[in-house]
Amino acid sequence: MKNTALITGASSGIGKEFARIHAEKTGDLIIIARRTDKLETLKKELEEQYQREVLVIAKDLSEPNAAWEIFDTVKSKGITVEYLINNAGFGLRGKFHELPLERHLAMINVNITALTALTWYFLPDMVKNNRGRILNVSSTAALVPGPLQAVYYASKSYVTSLSNAIAEELYDTNVTVTALMPGATETEFARTSDMDKTSLFQKTFSAKTVAAEGYQAMMQGKLDIFSGLTGMQKMQSYILPLMPKKVVMPQIRKMQEI
């Protein structure tokens, strides 16, 4: 496999669009998600349309050993991953204490633990080869605390902070780490997180647009990239972190109420 990208959450939404973009522009792929049937369908599409080599790994990233099992499979096949796109993630809407603990912990495993582990496993070879690109999908949720999505917002804050810190650690290499922070996007996320009827998702951007902007930013080695935002939302993204939390949090809560 050549110019290989490993993409998590590749069976739908932004992840699926990342796979299509990489296949068209750059190289081969390792696509990862839970749903084998959707991955196999995407594999067939990419192989036929772009003549790329595609490896399917069906894996639930909420499982504790998932990241290691992915890394072990890739290494056992002698594949070098040059592009790592940590896209998988999910959210839950509701009061923290009323949602099931196991769902909170599963979210942390997917949004934080698996992303961290996959980055740790694949980064050393990138540094050794002095070549590599990492794109971690965060969210505009990283900018502020998120009442009614407390763990999700906190997890995305972690993703952005981790990505930025590692990027600086790699200042003297040709390896880059980019954090993609999308706004409301047309994916399964809104429905599965029970956010589709909230005011936050009344205006959404296409997954294709968000993926294209994120992929381009990764290739350019940018630190952060906002995507899927109106002009007003972009302005707010810079202002919100500067505002008092006591003012911001009630607004966030109301936007996430049904």
Foldseek 3Di string as FASTA:
>chain_A
DPQEEEFEPCLWFLNVLLQVVCLQPPAAYEYEEQDPVSQVVSQVVSCVPRVGHYHYDHFQQLDPCGLVVVLVVCVVVVDQHAEYELDDAAFAFAAPVPDDPSVLSSRCSNLPVSVVSNCVSRVVVCQVVLGHFYEYEAALLLLAQAGRGRSNSVSSVVRLVVQLVVQVVCVPGNYAGEYEHEFAEPICRCVVRVQCPFQSNPDWHYSNFSSVQRVVCRVVRHHYDYDTDDPVVVVCSVVVNVDDNVVVHVVNVRRRDD
